[in-house]
Amino acid sequence: MTEQKISSILVNQDATSEARELMKYLAEHYGKGVLSGQQDYGNLNWINENTGRKPAVIGFDLMEYSPSRAERGASSQEIRDAIAWHQQGGIVTLCWHWNAPKDLIDEPGKEWWRGFYTNATTFDLASALASPDSEAYKLLIRDIDVIAGHLQELKDAGVPVLFRPLHEAEGGWFWWGAKGPEPAKQLYRLLYDRLVNKHELGNLIWVWNSEKPEWYPGDDVVDIVSVDVYPEAGNHSPLAERYENLRELVNDSKIIALAENGSIPDPKQMKEQGVHWSWFCTWTGEFLRGGNHNTVDFLKEVYNSDYVVTLDELPKWSWN
């Protein structure tokens, strides 16, 4: 196998020292093991009680900060919890189930709180992006600016973030992917430009989350590539094919992560087959605790594997 040309240089030249430090660690560690990860801070103690370890990475969600949710009474402690996790030495990854800015259907089965799903909103991304003077476009910007305020709180607290916006776009089940690749890429680049250049959020490491070339927004706005995979319950294969798709996408030049998973890939098989996911991040609920996707015995094996990095094995960061 050829020596990997993985870059640790962030696409944002004005990245914070914390973001650079985290990226340098991920690049140096890449291919030597996988970081354990878990969606939802509320699962931390359960994992610790059942495995004796804590994950290295916790996934948080900006969902409830979406203005169309906040105006209906939603509230969130995710930012506060992310800062608490960072202070323990853990790594923060963030997704955003972005509730559509307007045009929520809000009827049984398509309630307002399902407004990130394509089938629960009539919001049309393509027409919004085509008309920068429209209300729809201005609301996109409003939403981005509101989220920037929360990301600023993380920056002020010195938290580097593995930021994974517009996730699973190519699936089409979320409104940001419903109009095909071009509007999704345009929105991603708008998000990047606004957060990096207007709001100067240098604490973000940009994680793209689709594997098809026609959806890829470009090397200049992506630090890490990733995919979400939910195999059949109890299938712990290393997901080699999905990994190879991403390797080809970026010509083996960027770190590759398994940003969401159900059943966790078996660390032994990952190592044997050279499938170098940087981290995995098991989804919450049934996927973690149900016993079908991951048994407690298997979780113990994973969290105590020499190939898997847990919280206690992360480096001493300069901010700790």
C-alpha atoms as a PDB file:
ATOM      1  CA  MET A   1       0.000   0.000   0.000  1.00  0.00           C
ATOM      2  CA  THR A   2       1.332   3.435  -0.902  1.00  0.00           C
ATOM      3  CA  GLU A   3       2.081   5.944   1.822  1.00  0.00           C
ATOM      4  CA  GLN A   4      -1.081   7.962   2.421  1.00  0.00           C
ATOM      5  CA  LYS A   5      -0.923  11.641   1.544  1.00  0.00           C
ATOM      6  CA  ILE A   6      -3.371  12.720   4.211  1.00  0.00           C
ATOM      7  CA  SER A   7      -3.304  16.450   4.796  1.00  0.00           C
ATOM      8  CA  SER A   8      -3.600  17.948   8.266  1.00  0.00           C
ATOM      9  CA  ILE A   9      -3.839  21.483   6.861  1.00  0.00           C
ATOM     10  CA  LEU A  10      -7.309  22.926   7.337  1.00  0.00           C
ATOM     11  CA  VAL A  11      -9.161  24.553   4.441  1.00  0.00           C
ATOM     12  CA  ASN A  12      -9.753  27.657   6.557  1.00  0.00           C
ATOM     13  CA  GLN A  13      -6.392  29.418   6.736  1.00  0.00           C
ATOM     14  CA  ASP A  14      -7.621  31.311   9.806  1.00  0.00           C
ATOM     15  CA  ALA A  15      -8.465  28.193  11.822  1.00  0.00           C
ATOM     16  CA  THR A  16      -8.027  28.462  15.577  1.00  0.00           C
ATOM     17  CA  SER A  17      -5.062  26.853  17.306  1.00  0.00           C
ATOM     18  CA  GLU A  18      -7.453  24.339  18.902  1.00  0.00           C
ATOM     19  CA  ALA A  19      -8.871  23.289  15.528  1.00  0.00           C
ATOM     20  CA  ARG A  20      -5.335  22.896  14.138  1.00  0.00           C
ATOM     21  CA  GLU A  21      -4.285  20.832  17.152  1.00  0.00           C
ATOM     22  CA  LEU A  22      -7.271  18.491  16.818  1.00  0.00           C
ATOM     23  CA  MET A  23      -6.782  18.103  13.050  1.00  0.00           C
ATOM     24  CA  LYS A  24      -3.070  17.381  13.513  1.00  0.00           C
ATOM     25  CA  TYR A  25      -3.928  14.636  16.011  1.00  0.00           C
ATOM     26  CA  LEU A  26      -6.552  13.101  13.698  1.00  0.00           C
ATOM     27  CA  ALA A  27      -4.111  13.121  10.768  1.00  0.00           C
ATOM     28  CA  GLU A  28      -1.238  11.633  12.781  1.00  0.00           C
ATOM     29  CA  HIS A  29      -3.472   8.951  14.244  1.00  0.00           C
ATOM     30  CA  TYR A  30      -5.199   8.135  10.947  1.00  0.00           C
ATOM     31  CA  GLY A  31      -4.719   4.487   9.954  1.00  0.00           C
ATOM     32  CA  LYS A  32      -3.384   3.509  13.386  1.00  0.00           C
ATOM     33  CA  GLY A  33      -6.752   2.975  15.039  1.00  0.00           C
ATOM     34  CA  VAL A  34     -10.320   4.223  15.236  1.00  0.00           C
ATOM     35  CA  LEU A  35     -11.754   6.737  17.682  1.00  0.00           C
ATOM     36  CA  SER A  36     -14.858   5.524  19.500  1.00  0.00           C
ATOM     37  CA  GLY A  37     -17.853   7.812  19.150  1.00  0.00           C
ATOM     38  CA  GLN A  38     -21.443   8.053  20.319  1.00  0.00           C
ATOM     39  CA  GLN A  39     -24.333  10.326  19.384  1.00  0.00           C
ATOM     40  CA  ASP A  40     -26.025  12.105  22.304  1.00  0.00           C
ATOM     41  CA  TYR A  41     -24.278  13.180  25.499  1.00  0.00           C
ATOM     42  CA  GLY A  42     -27.040  11.497  27.525  1.00  0.00           C
ATOM     43  CA  ASN A  43     -25.532   8.100  26.602  1.00  0.00           C
ATOM     44  CA  LEU A  44     -22.147   8.776  28.204  1.00  0.00           C
ATOM     45  CA  ASN A  45     -22.787   7.247  31.606  1.00  0.00           C
ATOM     46  CA  TRP A  46     -24.571   4.206  30.151  1.00  0.00           C
ATOM     47  CA  ILE A  47     -21.547   3.390  27.990  1.00  0.00           C
ATOM     48  CA  ASN A  48     -19.198   3.934  30.915  1.00  0.00           C
ATOM     49  CA  GLU A  49     -21.284   1.664  33.187  1.00  0.00           C
ATOM     50  CA  ASN A  50     -21.466  -1.088  30.561  1.00  0.00           C
ATOM     51  CA  THR A  51     -17.927  -1.017  29.129  1.00  0.00           C
ATOM     52  CA  GLY A  52     -15.789   0.673  31.781  1.00  0.00           C
ATOM     53  CA  ARG A  53     -14.768   3.258  29.177  1.00  0.00           C
ATOM     54  CA  LYS A  54     -16.019   6.506  27.678  1.00  0.00           C
ATOM     55  CA  PRO A  55     -16.053   7.340  23.958  1.00  0.00           C
ATOM     56  CA  ALA A  56     -13.484   9.739  22.528  1.00  0.00           C
ATOM     57  CA  VAL A  57     -16.079  11.534  20.404  1.00  0.00           C
ATOM     58  CA  ILE A  58     -19.612  12.639  21.269  1.00  0.00           C
ATOM     59  CA  GLY A  59     -22.112  13.745  18.631  1.00  0.00           C
ATOM     60  CA  PHE A  60     -24.320  16.763  19.327  1.00  0.00           C
ATOM     61  CA  ASP A  61     -27.139  18.235  17.222  1.00  0.00           C
ATOM     62  CA  LEU A  62     -28.019  21.885  16.535  1.00  0.00           C
ATOM     63  CA  MET A  63     -31.582  20.846  15.639  1.00  0.00           C
ATOM     64  CA  GLU A  64     -33.497  22.611  18.409  1.00  0.00           C
ATOM     65  CA  TYR A  65     -31.700  25.898  17.705  1.00  0.00           C
ATOM     66  CA  SER A  66     -33.321  26.057  14.229  1.00  0.00           C
ATOM     67  CA  PRO A  67     -35.404  29.279  14.282  1.00  0.00           C
ATOM     68  CA  SER A  68     -38.578  27.536  13.031  1.00  0.00           C
ATOM     69  CA  ARG A  69     -38.355  25.243  16.072  1.00  0.00           C
ATOM     70  CA  ALA A  70     -37.284  27.882  18.591  1.00  0.00           C
ATOM     71  CA  GLU A  71     -40.287  30.052  17.673  1.00  0.00           C
ATOM     72  CA  ARG A  72     -42.522  27.074  18.522  1.00  0.00           C
ATOM     73  CA  GLY A  73     -40.978  26.713  21.957  1.00  0.00           C
ATOM     74  CA  ALA A  74     -38.084  24.302  21.368  1.00  0.00           C
ATOM     75  CA  SER A  75     -35.038  24.757  23.577  1.00  0.00           C
ATOM     76  CA  SER A  76     -31.698  22.992  23.873  1.00  0.00           C
ATOM     77  CA  GLN A  77     -28.746  22.415  26.180  1.00  0.00           C
ATOM     78  CA  GLU A  78     -26.517  20.985  23.451  1.00  0.00           C
ATOM     79  CA  ILE A  79     -24.023  23.873  23.417  1.00  0.00           C
ATOM     80  CA  ARG A  80     -23.699  23.793  27.195  1.00  0.00           C
ATOM     81  CA  ASP A  81     -23.213  20.017  27.133  1.00  0.00           C
ATOM     82  CA  ALA A  82     -20.680  20.241  24.280  1.00  0.00           C
ATOM     83  CA  ILE A  83     -18.603  22.689  26.328  1.00  0.00           C
ATOM     84  CA  ALA A  84     -18.808  20.361  29.353  1.00  0.00           C
ATOM     85  CA  TRP A  85     -17.640  17.446  27.200  1.00  0.00           C
ATOM     86  CA  HIS A  86     -14.778  19.484  25.756  1.00  0.00           C
ATOM     87  CA  GLN A  87     -13.679  20.376  29.291  1.00  0.00           C
ATOM     88  CA  GLN A  88     -13.378  16.637  30.029  1.00  0.00           C
ATOM     89  CA  GLY A  89     -10.950  16.317  27.113  1.00  0.00           C
ATOM     90  CA  GLY A  90     -13.494  14.829  24.712  1.00  0.00           C
ATOM     91  CA  ILE A  91     -13.931  15.597  21.000  1.00  0.00           C
ATOM     92  CA  VAL A  92     -17.114  17.337  19.812  1.00  0.00           C
ATOM     93  CA  THR A  93     -18.855  16.576  16.515  1.00  0.00           C
ATOM     94  CA  LEU A  94     -21.931  18.532  15.472  1.00  0.00           C
ATOM     95  CA  CYS A  95     -24.673  17.876  12.946  1.00  0.00           C
ATOM     96  CA  TRP A  96     -27.693  20.077  12.258  1.00  0.00           C
ATOM     97  CA  HIS A  97     -31.126  18.642  11.592  1.00  0.00           C
ATOM     98  CA  TRP A  98     -32.043  21.993  10.083  1.00  0.00           C
ATOM     99  CA  ASN A  99     -35.774  22.531  10.397  1.00  0.00           C
ATOM    100  CA  ALA A 100     -36.882  24.230   7.176  1.00  0.00           C
ATOM    101  CA  PRO A 101     -36.928  28.025   7.599  1.00  0.00           C
ATOM    102  CA  LYS A 102     -40.575  28.242   6.490  1.00  0.00           C
ATOM    103  CA  ASP A 103     -43.369  26.337   4.709  1.00  0.00           C
ATOM    104  CA  LEU A 104     -43.766  23.599   7.331  1.00  0.00           C
ATOM    105  CA  ILE A 105     -46.789  21.416   6.511  1.00  0.00           C
ATOM    106  CA  ASP A 106     -47.599  20.743  10.203  1.00  0.00           C
ATOM    107  CA  GLU A 107     -50.321  18.108  10.030  1.00  0.00           C
ATOM    108  CA  PRO A 108     -50.469  14.592  11.541  1.00  0.00           C
ATOM    109  CA  GLY A 109     -47.459  12.604  10.342  1.00  0.00           C
ATOM    110  CA  LYS A 110     -45.849  15.795   8.997  1.00  0.00           C
ATOM    111  CA  GLU A 111     -45.645  17.780  12.231  1.00  0.00           C
ATOM    112  CA  TRP A 112     -43.589  20.986  12.483  1.00  0.00           C
ATOM    113  CA  TRP A 113     -40.919  19.158  14.463  1.00  0.00           C
ATOM    114  CA  ARG A 114     -40.326  16.839  11.490  1.00  0.00           C
ATOM    115  CA  GLY A 115     -39.565  19.906   9.394  1.00  0.00           C
ATOM    116  CA  PHE A 116     -36.074  18.800   8.375  1.00  0.00           C
ATOM    117  CA  TYR A 117     -37.655  15.983   6.365  1.00  0.00           C
ATOM    118  CA  THR A 118     -38.490  16.629   2.719  1.00  0.00           C
ATOM    119  CA  ASN A 119     -42.016  15.230   3.187  1.00  0.00           C
ATOM    120  CA  ALA A 120     -42.869  17.623   6.050  1.00  0.00           C
ATOM    121  CA  THR A 121     -42.160  20.903   4.255  1.00  0.00           C
ATOM    122  CA  THR A 122     -42.820  22.546   0.901  1.00  0.00           C
ATOM    123  CA  PHE A 123     -39.707  24.726   1.259  1.00  0.00           C
ATOM    124  CA  ASP A 124     -37.978  24.834  -2.143  1.00  0.00           C
ATOM    125  CA  LEU A 125     -34.214  25.236  -1.811  1.00  0.00           C
ATOM    126  CA  ALA A 126     -33.560  25.614  -5.532  1.00  0.00           C
ATOM    127  CA  SER A 127     -35.959  28.520  -5.950  1.00  0.00           C
ATOM    128  CA  ALA A 128     -34.720  30.157  -2.717  1.00  0.00           C
ATOM    129  CA  LEU A 129     -31.109  30.075  -3.910  1.00  0.00           C
ATOM    130  CA  ALA A 130     -32.114  31.342  -7.360  1.00  0.00           C
ATOM    131  CA  SER A 131     -33.694  34.473  -5.827  1.00  0.00           C
ATOM    132  CA  PRO A 132     -31.401  36.202  -3.321  1.00  0.00           C
ATOM    133  CA  ASP A 133     -34.029  38.944  -2.859  1.00  0.00           C
ATOM    134  CA  SER A 134     -36.718  36.455  -1.831  1.00  0.00           C
ATOM    135  CA  GLU A 135     -38.022  35.920   1.691  1.00  0.00           C
ATOM    136  CA  ALA A 136     -36.960  32.268   1.469  1.00  0.00           C
ATOM    137  CA  TYR A 137     -33.317  33.204   0.761  1.00  0.00           C
ATOM    138  CA  LYS A 138     -33.274  35.814   3.524  1.00  0.00           C
ATOM    139  CA  LEU A 139     -34.603  33.197   5.952  1.00  0.00           C
ATOM    140  CA  LEU A 140     -31.812  30.792   4.967  1.00  0.00           C
ATOM    141  CA  ILE A 141     -29.323  33.527   5.875  1.00  0.00           C
ATOM    142  CA  ARG A 142     -31.207  34.277   9.097  1.00  0.00           C
ATOM    143  CA  ASP A 143     -31.013  30.629  10.128  1.00  0.00           C
ATOM    144  CA  ILE A 144     -27.290  30.423   9.341  1.00  0.00           C
ATOM    145  CA  ASP A 145     -26.641  33.590  11.346  1.00  0.00           C
ATOM    146  CA  VAL A 146     -28.587  32.264  14.337  1.00  0.00           C
ATOM    147  CA  ILE A 147     -26.561  29.039  14.283  1.00  0.00           C
ATOM    148  CA  ALA A 148     -23.383  31.125  13.974  1.00  0.00           C
ATOM    149  CA  GLY A 149     -24.206  32.669  17.351  1.00  0.00           C
ATOM    150  CA  HIS A 150     -24.243  29.232  18.974  1.00  0.00           C
ATOM    151  CA  LEU A 151     -21.053  28.173  17.194  1.00  0.00           C
ATOM    152  CA  GLN A 152     -19.484  31.411  18.475  1.00  0.00           C
ATOM    153  CA  GLU A 153     -20.230  30.267  22.039  1.00  0.00           C
ATOM    154  CA  LEU A 154     -18.176  27.148  21.308  1.00  0.00           C
ATOM    155  CA  LYS A 155     -15.394  29.218  19.768  1.00  0.00           C
ATOM    156  CA  ASP A 156     -15.335  31.516  22.814  1.00  0.00           C
ATOM    157  CA  ALA A 157     -14.997  28.427  25.035  1.00  0.00           C
ATOM    158  CA  GLY A 158     -12.061  27.175  22.925  1.00  0.00           C
ATOM    159  CA  VAL A 159     -13.991  24.187  21.522  1.00  0.00           C
ATOM    160  CA  PRO A 160     -12.858  22.830  18.136  1.00  0.00           C
ATOM    161  CA  VAL A 161     -15.790  21.234  16.305  1.00  0.00           C
ATOM    162  CA  LEU A 162     -16.011  18.459  13.734  1.00  0.00           C
ATOM    163  CA  PHE A 163     -18.828  20.266  11.906  1.00  0.00           C
ATOM    164  CA  ARG A 164     -21.011  18.109   9.651  1.00  0.00           C
ATOM    165  CA  PRO A 165     -23.740  20.255   8.082  1.00  0.00           C
ATOM    166  CA  LEU A 166     -26.205  19.168   5.359  1.00  0.00           C
ATOM    167  CA  HIS A 167     -25.651  15.529   6.250  1.00  0.00           C
ATOM    168  CA  GLU A 168     -26.951  12.692   4.069  1.00  0.00           C
ATOM    169  CA  ALA A 169     -27.838  15.218   1.340  1.00  0.00           C
ATOM    170  CA  GLU A 170     -27.716  12.647  -1.456  1.00  0.00           C
ATOM    171  CA  GLY A 171     -30.469  10.603   0.223  1.00  0.00           C
ATOM    172  CA  GLY A 172     -33.039  13.270  -0.647  1.00  0.00           C
ATOM    173  CA  TRP A 173     -35.041  12.622   2.540  1.00  0.00           C
ATOM    174  CA  PHE A 174     -33.902  15.965   3.999  1.00  0.00           C
ATOM    175  CA  TRP A 175     -35.014  19.188   2.281  1.00  0.00           C
ATOM    176  CA  TRP A 176     -31.429  20.328   1.618  1.00  0.00           C
ATOM    177  CA  GLY A 177     -30.943  17.324  -0.664  1.00  0.00           C
ATOM    178  CA  ALA A 178     -34.439  17.196  -2.159  1.00  0.00           C
ATOM    179  CA  LYS A 179     -33.624  19.302  -5.244  1.00  0.00           C
ATOM    180  CA  GLY A 180     -30.538  17.337  -6.240  1.00  0.00           C
ATOM    181  CA  PRO A 181     -26.790  17.941  -5.988  1.00  0.00           C
ATOM    182  CA  GLU A 182     -26.415  21.478  -7.354  1.00  0.00           C
ATOM    183  CA  PRO A 183     -28.587  23.330  -4.791  1.00  0.00           C
ATOM    184  CA  ALA A 184     -27.111  21.192  -1.972  1.00  0.00           C
ATOM    185  CA  LYS A 185     -23.552  22.083  -2.989  1.00  0.00           C
ATOM    186  CA  GLN A 186     -24.508  25.739  -3.410  1.00  0.00           C
ATOM    187  CA  LEU A 187     -26.053  25.817   0.077  1.00  0.00           C
ATOM    188  CA  TYR A 188     -22.994  24.124   1.582  1.00  0.00           C
ATOM    189  CA  ARG A 189     -20.697  26.707   0.000  1.00  0.00           C
ATOM    190  CA  LEU A 190     -22.992  29.516   1.164  1.00  0.00           C
ATOM    191  CA  LEU A 191     -22.876  28.078   4.686  1.00  0.00           C
ATOM    192  CA  TYR A 192     -19.089  27.808   4.526  1.00  0.00           C
ATOM    193  CA  ASP A 193     -18.649  31.340   3.197  1.00  0.00           C
ATOM    194  CA  ARG A 194     -20.985  32.870   5.770  1.00  0.00           C
ATOM    195  CA  LEU A 195     -19.637  31.017   8.821  1.00  0.00           C
ATOM    196  CA  VAL A 196     -15.964  31.295   7.871  1.00  0.00           C
ATOM    197  CA  ASN A 197     -15.732  34.684   6.168  1.00  0.00           C
ATOM    198  CA  LYS A 198     -18.504  36.723   7.798  1.00  0.00           C
ATOM    199  CA  HIS A 199     -18.660  35.157  11.263  1.00  0.00           C
ATOM    200  CA  GLU A 200     -14.958  34.169  11.392  1.00  0.00           C
ATOM    201  CA  LEU A 201     -15.654  30.798  12.997  1.00  0.00           C
ATOM    202  CA  GLY A 202     -12.175  29.321  12.799  1.00  0.00           C
ATOM    203  CA  ASN A 203     -13.019  26.570  15.307  1.00  0.00           C
ATOM    204  CA  LEU A 204     -14.863  24.500  12.671  1.00  0.00           C
ATOM    205  CA  ILE A 205     -13.331  21.469  10.948  1.00  0.00           C
ATOM    206  CA  TRP A 206     -15.553  20.918   7.893  1.00  0.00           C
ATOM    207  CA  VAL A 207     -16.898  17.377   7.469  1.00  0.00           C
ATOM    208  CA  TRP A 208     -18.702  16.487   4.229  1.00  0.00           C
ATOM    209  CA  ASN A 209     -21.168  13.622   4.501  1.00  0.00           C
ATOM    210  CA  SER A 210     -21.978  12.102   1.103  1.00  0.00           C
ATOM    211  CA  GLU A 211     -19.985   9.723  -1.062  1.00  0.00           C
ATOM    212  CA  LYS A 212     -21.194  10.391  -4.623  1.00  0.00           C
ATOM    213  CA  PRO A 213     -18.854  12.549  -6.743  1.00  0.00           C
ATOM    214  CA  GLU A 214     -21.645  14.676  -8.219  1.00  0.00           C
ATOM    215  CA  TRP A 215     -22.603  15.823  -4.711  1.00  0.00           C
ATOM    216  CA  TYR A 216     -19.090  16.759  -3.578  1.00  0.00           C
ATOM    217  CA  PRO A 217     -18.795  20.533  -2.976  1.00  0.00           C
ATOM    218  CA  GLY A 218     -15.026  20.712  -3.542  1.00  0.00           C
ATOM    219  CA  ASP A 219     -11.669  20.147  -1.855  1.00  0.00           C
ATOM    220  CA  ASP A 220     -11.402  23.832  -0.955  1.00  0.00           C
ATOM    221  CA  VAL A 221     -14.321  23.692   1.517  1.00  0.00           C
ATOM    222  CA  VAL A 222     -13.949  20.163   2.946  1.00  0.00           C
ATOM    223  CA  ASP A 223     -11.459  18.966   5.582  1.00  0.00           C
ATOM    224  CA  ILE A 224     -12.779  15.449   6.182  1.00  0.00           C
ATOM    225  CA  VAL A 225     -15.126  13.207   4.187  1.00  0.00           C
ATOM    226  CA  SER A 226     -17.618  10.870   5.810  1.00  0.00           C
ATOM    227  CA  VAL A 227     -20.655   8.706   5.283  1.00  0.00           C
ATOM    228  CA  ASP A 228     -23.496   7.409   7.463  1.00  0.00           C
ATOM    229  CA  VAL A 229     -24.068   3.647   7.264  1.00  0.00           C
ATOM    230  CA  TYR A 230     -26.730   1.572   9.003  1.00  0.00           C
ATOM    231  CA  PRO A 231     -26.002  -2.093   8.233  1.00  0.00           C
ATOM    232  CA  GLU A 232     -28.401  -4.873   9.148  1.00  0.00           C
ATOM    233  CA  ALA A 233     -28.616  -5.328  12.911  1.00  0.00           C
ATOM    234  CA  GLY A 234     -25.593  -7.268  14.152  1.00  0.00           C
ATOM    235  CA  ASN A 235     -23.613  -6.945  10.899  1.00  0.00           C
ATOM    236  CA  HIS A 236     -20.206  -5.784  12.109  1.00  0.00           C
ATOM    237  CA  SER A 237     -18.427  -5.804   8.754  1.00  0.00           C
ATOM    238  CA  PRO A 238     -15.826  -3.024   8.325  1.00  0.00           C
ATOM    239  CA  LEU A 239     -17.853  -1.423   5.480  1.00  0.00           C
ATOM    240  CA  ALA A 240     -14.874  -1.600   3.150  1.00  0.00           C
ATOM    241  CA  GLU A 241     -16.816  -0.698   0.011  1.00  0.00           C
ATOM    242  CA  ARG A 242     -18.181   2.522   1.494  1.00  0.00           C
ATOM    243  CA  TYR A 243     -14.701   3.437   2.728  1.00  0.00           C
ATOM    244  CA  GLU A 244     -13.238   2.851  -0.749  1.00  0.00           C
ATOM    245  CA  ASN A 245     -15.922   5.082  -2.306  1.00  0.00           C
ATOM    246  CA  LEU A 246     -14.738   7.954  -0.136  1.00  0.00           C
ATOM    247  CA  ARG A 247     -11.082   7.209  -0.773  1.00  0.00           C
ATOM    248  CA  GLU A 248     -11.693   7.469  -4.500  1.00  0.00           C
ATOM    249  CA  LEU A 249     -13.772  10.618  -4.036  1.00  0.00           C
ATOM    250  CA  VAL A 250     -10.811  12.531  -2.552  1.00  0.00           C
ATOM    251  CA  ASN A 251      -7.988  10.547  -4.181  1.00  0.00           C
ATOM    252  CA  ASP A 252      -6.865   9.329  -0.743  1.00  0.00           C
ATOM    253  CA  SER A 253      -5.955  12.889   0.273  1.00  0.00           C
ATOM    254  CA  LYS A 254      -8.330  13.468   3.196  1.00  0.00           C
ATOM    255  CA  ILE A 255      -9.282  11.788   6.462  1.00  0.00           C
ATOM    256  CA  ILE A 256     -12.327   9.493   6.160  1.00  0.00           C
ATOM    257  CA  ALA A 257     -14.865   9.023   8.946  1.00  0.00           C
ATOM    258  CA  LEU A 258     -17.932   6.904   9.674  1.00  0.00           C
ATOM    259  CA  ALA A 259     -20.028   9.828  10.887  1.00  0.00           C
ATOM    260  CA  GLU A 260     -23.070   7.738  11.880  1.00  0.00           C
ATOM    261  CA  ASN A 261     -23.559   4.029  12.263  1.00  0.00           C
ATOM    262  CA  GLY A 262     -25.912   1.460  13.706  1.00  0.00           C
ATOM    263  CA  SER A 263     -23.935  -1.754  14.204  1.00  0.00           C
ATOM    264  CA  ILE A 264     -20.292  -0.842  14.915  1.00  0.00           C
ATOM    265  CA  PRO A 265     -17.687  -2.204  12.476  1.00  0.00           C
ATOM    266  CA  ASP A 266     -15.518  -4.885  14.067  1.00  0.00           C
ATOM    267  CA  PRO A 267     -12.131  -3.309  14.934  1.00  0.00           C
ATOM    268  CA  LYS A 268     -10.268  -6.577  14.160  1.00  0.00           C
ATOM    269  CA  GLN A 269     -11.687  -6.714  10.641  1.00  0.00           C
ATOM    270  CA  MET A 270     -11.032  -3.002  10.097  1.00  0.00           C
ATOM    271  CA  LYS A 271      -7.398  -3.516  11.002  1.00  0.00           C
ATOM    272  CA  GLU A 272      -7.006  -6.690   8.929  1.00  0.00           C
ATOM    273  CA  GLN A 273      -8.647  -5.191   5.840  1.00  0.00           C
ATOM    274  CA  GLY A 274      -7.037  -1.742   6.057  1.00  0.00           C
ATOM    275  CA  VAL A 275     -10.333   0.075   6.429  1.00  0.00           C
ATOM    276  CA  HIS A 276      -9.196   3.209   8.225  1.00  0.00           C
ATOM    277  CA  TRP A 277     -12.265   4.996   9.549  1.00  0.00           C
ATOM    278  CA  SER A 278     -10.987   7.909  11.621  1.00  0.00           C
ATOM    279  CA  TRP A 279     -13.901   7.618  14.035  1.00  0.00           C
ATOM    280  CA  PHE A 280     -17.261   5.911  14.242  1.00  0.00           C
ATOM    281  CA  CYS A 281     -20.299   7.462  15.922  1.00  0.00           C
ATOM    282  CA  THR A 282     -23.067   5.077  16.906  1.00  0.00           C
ATOM    283  CA  TRP A 283     -26.550   6.564  16.703  1.00  0.00           C
ATOM    284  CA  THR A 284     -28.654   6.809  19.833  1.00  0.00           C
ATOM    285  CA  GLY A 285     -31.644   4.860  21.134  1.00  0.00           C
ATOM    286  CA  GLU A 286     -32.180   1.323  19.823  1.00  0.00           C
ATOM    287  CA  PHE A 287     -28.849   1.317  17.940  1.00  0.00           C
ATOM    288  CA  LEU A 288     -26.888   1.612  21.173  1.00  0.00           C
ATOM    289  CA  ARG A 289     -29.104   0.110  23.861  1.00  0.00           C
ATOM    290  CA  GLY A 290     -31.467  -2.268  22.041  1.00  0.00           C
ATOM    291  CA  GLY A 291     -29.142  -5.279  22.017  1.00  0.00           C
ATOM    292  CA  ASN A 292     -29.826  -6.127  18.357  1.00  0.00           C
ATOM    293  CA  HIS A 293     -27.397  -3.782  16.607  1.00  0.00           C
ATOM    294  CA  ASN A 294     -24.722  -3.962  19.297  1.00  0.00           C
ATOM    295  CA  THR A 295     -24.818  -6.406  22.196  1.00  0.00           C
ATOM    296  CA  VAL A 296     -23.330  -5.277  25.494  1.00  0.00           C
ATOM    297  CA  ASP A 297     -20.646  -7.960  25.118  1.00  0.00           C
ATOM    298  CA  PHE A 298     -19.700  -6.590  21.706  1.00  0.00           C
ATOM    299  CA  LEU A 299     -19.640  -3.022  23.029  1.00  0.00           C
ATOM    300  CA  LYS A 300     -17.278  -4.158  25.804  1.00  0.00           C
ATOM    301  CA  GLU A 301     -15.035  -5.810  23.212  1.00  0.00           C
ATOM    302  CA  VAL A 302     -14.988  -2.686  21.018  1.00  0.00           C
ATOM    303  CA  TYR A 303     -14.391  -0.198  23.830  1.00  0.00           C
ATOM    304  CA  ASN A 304     -11.576  -2.323  25.263  1.00  0.00           C
ATOM    305  CA  SER A 305      -9.904  -3.112  21.922  1.00  0.00           C
ATOM    306  CA  ASP A 306      -6.284  -2.001  21.432  1.00  0.00           C
ATOM    307  CA  TYR A 307      -7.338  -0.622  18.049  1.00  0.00           C
ATOM    308  CA  VAL A 308     -10.063   1.629  19.510  1.00  0.00           C
ATOM    309  CA  VAL A 309      -9.292   4.977  21.159  1.00  0.00           C
ATOM    310  CA  THR A 310     -11.389   5.927  24.187  1.00  0.00           C
ATOM    311  CA  LEU A 311     -11.544   9.202  26.136  1.00  0.00           C
ATOM    312  CA  ASP A 312      -8.767   8.216  28.544  1.00  0.00           C
ATOM    313  CA  GLU A 313      -6.419   7.516  25.604  1.00  0.00           C
ATOM    314  CA  LEU A 314      -6.740  10.910  23.929  1.00  0.00           C
ATOM    315  CA  PRO A 315      -3.734  13.215  24.202  1.00  0.00           C
ATOM    316  CA  LYS A 316      -3.434  15.934  26.805  1.00  0.00           C
ATOM    317  CA  TRP A 317      -4.721  18.867  24.798  1.00  0.00           C
ATOM    318  CA  SER A 318      -3.209  22.307  25.256  1.00  0.00           C
ATOM    319  CA  TRP A 319      -6.620  23.537  26.498  1.00  0.00           C
ATOM    320  CA  ASN A 320      -6.989  20.962  29.266  1.00  0.00           C
END
